[in-house]
Amino acid sequence: MQLELGTRDGGVTLRVHVKPRASRARVVGIRAGAVEVAVCAAPVEGAANAALIEVLAEALAVRRGDITVVSGQHSRAKVVFVDGASTEHVTARLSLCEVQ
C-alpha cells in the first residue's frame, strides 16, 4: 500500500490511524494510505496523542517537539505534521517499521 504524504511549511504531513490500548506500542504498517500506529495508552486526556507522538518520533528519528497532531485530536484518524522532515526521509524510515 502506498503512503500518502503532503508537504507544507518546511515539513511533511501524513495521515495516521491510531489503535489505542494495544499490548505493544509500535508502527504496525500502512493501511489505506495512512500509517497505522498501535499505542498502549488509552484515549483519555491526550494520553494516546502523547504516546503517538513518542512512537512516531522514535520511528522517524526526529525530536518529539517536531511532531504535531494538526487534526483529529479526538479521533483515531489523525493528520500529523513532522517539521523539518522530507517525504523521502519519512518514507524510508516508515518502510523499516512495516510488519511483513
C-alpha atoms as a PDB file:
ATOM      1  CA  MET A   1       0.000   0.000   0.000  1.00  0.00           C
ATOM      2  CA  GLN A   2       1.235   3.458  -0.863  1.00  0.00           C
ATOM      3  CA  LEU A   3       1.714   6.029   1.906  1.00  0.00           C
ATOM      4  CA  GLU A   4       0.026   9.375   1.207  1.00  0.00           C
ATOM      5  CA  LEU A   5       2.270  12.278   2.230  1.00  0.00           C
ATOM      6  CA  GLY A   6       1.919  16.019   1.805  1.00  0.00           C
ATOM      7  CA  THR A   7       4.433  18.825   2.131  1.00  0.00           C
ATOM      8  CA  ARG A   8       3.955  22.245   3.714  1.00  0.00           C
ATOM      9  CA  ASP A   9       5.880  24.854   5.697  1.00  0.00           C
ATOM     10  CA  GLY A  10       9.205  23.004   5.646  1.00  0.00           C
ATOM     11  CA  GLY A  11       7.863  19.631   6.720  1.00  0.00           C
ATOM     12  CA  VAL A  12       5.651  16.682   5.888  1.00  0.00           C
ATOM     13  CA  THR A  13       2.037  15.863   6.707  1.00  0.00           C
ATOM     14  CA  LEU A  14       0.835  12.302   6.954  1.00  0.00           C
ATOM     15  CA  ARG A  15      -2.390  10.564   7.827  1.00  0.00           C
ATOM     16  CA  VAL A  16      -2.291   8.302  10.864  1.00  0.00           C
ATOM     17  CA  HIS A  17      -4.707   5.680  12.170  1.00  0.00           C
ATOM     18  CA  VAL A  18      -4.219   5.103  15.911  1.00  0.00           C
ATOM     19  CA  LYS A  19      -5.014   1.866  17.727  1.00  0.00           C
ATOM     20  CA  PRO A  20      -5.202   2.735  21.454  1.00  0.00           C
ATOM     21  CA  ARG A  21      -4.879   0.244  24.320  1.00  0.00           C
ATOM     22  CA  ALA A  22      -2.553  -2.049  22.381  1.00  0.00           C
ATOM     23  CA  SER A  23      -0.317  -4.512  24.177  1.00  0.00           C
ATOM     24  CA  ARG A  24       2.751  -3.065  22.438  1.00  0.00           C
ATOM     25  CA  ALA A  25       3.458   0.444  21.083  1.00  0.00           C
ATOM     26  CA  ARG A  26       4.723   0.319  17.507  1.00  0.00           C
ATOM     27  CA  VAL A  27       4.210   1.312  13.900  1.00  0.00           C
ATOM     28  CA  VAL A  28       2.081  -1.505  12.500  1.00  0.00           C
ATOM     29  CA  GLY A  29       2.277  -0.595   8.815  1.00  0.00           C
ATOM     30  CA  ILE A  30       0.415   1.262   6.082  1.00  0.00           C
ATOM     31  CA  ARG A  31      -3.367   0.961   5.694  1.00  0.00           C
ATOM     32  CA  ALA A  32      -5.407   2.870   3.099  1.00  0.00           C
ATOM     33  CA  GLY A  33      -2.605   5.429   2.646  1.00  0.00           C
ATOM     34  CA  ALA A  34      -2.272   6.102   6.382  1.00  0.00           C
ATOM     35  CA  VAL A  35       0.327   4.985   8.893  1.00  0.00           C
ATOM     36  CA  GLU A  36      -1.222   2.573  11.381  1.00  0.00           C
ATOM     37  CA  VAL A  37       0.239   3.051  14.877  1.00  0.00           C
ATOM     38  CA  ALA A  38      -0.550   0.997  17.970  1.00  0.00           C
ATOM     39  CA  VAL A  39      -0.160   2.723  21.356  1.00  0.00           C
ATOM     40  CA  CYS A  40      -0.543   1.312  24.853  1.00  0.00           C
ATOM     41  CA  ALA A  41      -2.244   4.410  26.249  1.00  0.00           C
ATOM     42  CA  ALA A  42      -5.989   4.843  26.489  1.00  0.00           C
ATOM     43  CA  PRO A  43      -7.596   7.725  24.587  1.00  0.00           C
ATOM     44  CA  VAL A  44      -8.086   9.774  27.764  1.00  0.00           C
ATOM     45  CA  GLU A  45      -6.948  13.372  28.310  1.00  0.00           C
ATOM     46  CA  GLY A  46      -4.475  13.327  25.431  1.00  0.00           C
ATOM     47  CA  ALA A  47      -2.552  10.270  26.629  1.00  0.00           C
ATOM     48  CA  ALA A  48      -2.938   8.422  23.317  1.00  0.00           C
ATOM     49  CA  ASN A  49      -1.835  11.507  21.352  1.00  0.00           C
ATOM     50  CA  ALA A  50       1.264  11.864  23.531  1.00  0.00           C
ATOM     51  CA  ALA A  51       2.041   8.167  23.061  1.00  0.00           C
ATOM     52  CA  LEU A  52       1.514   8.515  19.304  1.00  0.00           C
ATOM     53  CA  ILE A  53       4.000  11.372  19.129  1.00  0.00           C
ATOM     54  CA  GLU A  54       6.543   9.345  21.083  1.00  0.00           C
ATOM     55  CA  VAL A  55       6.199   6.286  18.811  1.00  0.00           C
ATOM     56  CA  LEU A  56       6.406   8.375  15.639  1.00  0.00           C
ATOM     57  CA  ALA A  57       9.395  10.374  16.918  1.00  0.00           C
ATOM     58  CA  GLU A  58      11.311   7.184  17.577  1.00  0.00           C
ATOM     59  CA  ALA A  59      10.297   5.590  14.261  1.00  0.00           C
ATOM     60  CA  LEU A  60      11.172   8.711  12.251  1.00  0.00           C
ATOM     61  CA  ALA A  61      14.321   9.552  14.251  1.00  0.00           C
ATOM     62  CA  VAL A  62      13.132  13.110  14.994  1.00  0.00           C
ATOM     63  CA  ARG A  63      12.521  15.072  18.186  1.00  0.00           C
ATOM     64  CA  ARG A  64       9.089  14.777  19.803  1.00  0.00           C
ATOM     65  CA  GLY A  65       8.790  18.559  19.526  1.00  0.00           C
ATOM     66  CA  ASP A  66       8.986  18.275  15.738  1.00  0.00           C
ATOM     67  CA  ILE A  67       5.716  16.313  15.585  1.00  0.00           C
ATOM     68  CA  THR A  68       2.303  17.945  15.907  1.00  0.00           C
ATOM     69  CA  VAL A  69      -1.188  16.481  15.621  1.00  0.00           C
ATOM     70  CA  VAL A  70      -2.871  19.016  13.324  1.00  0.00           C
ATOM     71  CA  SER A  71      -6.301  17.394  13.069  1.00  0.00           C
ATOM     72  CA  GLY A  72      -8.206  14.536  14.661  1.00  0.00           C
ATOM     73  CA  GLN A  73      -7.151  15.189  18.260  1.00  0.00           C
ATOM     74  CA  HIS A  74     -10.202  13.242  19.494  1.00  0.00           C
ATOM     75  CA  SER A  75     -10.338  10.658  16.716  1.00  0.00           C
ATOM     76  CA  ARG A  76      -8.426   7.551  15.704  1.00  0.00           C
ATOM     77  CA  ALA A  77      -7.919   9.102  12.249  1.00  0.00           C
ATOM     78  CA  LYS A  78      -5.413  11.954  12.530  1.00  0.00           C
ATOM     79  CA  VAL A  79      -3.211  14.173  10.414  1.00  0.00           C
ATOM     80  CA  VAL A  80       0.283  14.703  11.795  1.00  0.00           C
ATOM     81  CA  PHE A  81       2.877  17.308  10.784  1.00  0.00           C
ATOM     82  CA  VAL A  82       6.589  16.455  11.019  1.00  0.00           C
ATOM     83  CA  ASP A  83       8.604  19.673  10.998  1.00  0.00           C
ATOM     84  CA  GLY A  84      11.888  19.645   9.084  1.00  0.00           C
ATOM     85  CA  ALA A  85      11.345  16.221   7.535  1.00  0.00           C
ATOM     86  CA  SER A  86      11.317  15.332   3.855  1.00  0.00           C
ATOM     87  CA  THR A  87       8.984  12.886   2.150  1.00  0.00           C
ATOM     88  CA  GLU A  88      11.982  10.697   1.308  1.00  0.00           C
ATOM     89  CA  HIS A  89      13.093  10.565   4.953  1.00  0.00           C
ATOM     90  CA  VAL A  90       9.597   9.697   6.225  1.00  0.00           C
ATOM     91  CA  THR A  91       9.043   7.040   3.550  1.00  0.00           C
ATOM     92  CA  ALA A  92      12.420   5.427   4.182  1.00  0.00           C
ATOM     93  CA  ARG A  93      12.052   5.377   7.975  1.00  0.00           C
ATOM     94  CA  LEU A  94       8.488   4.019   7.925  1.00  0.00           C
ATOM     95  CA  SER A  95       9.366   1.309   5.428  1.00  0.00           C
ATOM     96  CA  LEU A  96      11.816  -0.030   8.024  1.00  0.00           C
ATOM     97  CA  CYS A  97       8.980  -0.336  10.560  1.00  0.00           C
ATOM     98  CA  GLU A  98       6.448  -2.227   8.446  1.00  0.00           C
ATOM     99  CA  VAL A  99       5.458  -5.666   9.627  1.00  0.00           C
ATOM    100  CA  GLN A 100       5.745  -8.321   6.972  1.00  0.00           C
END
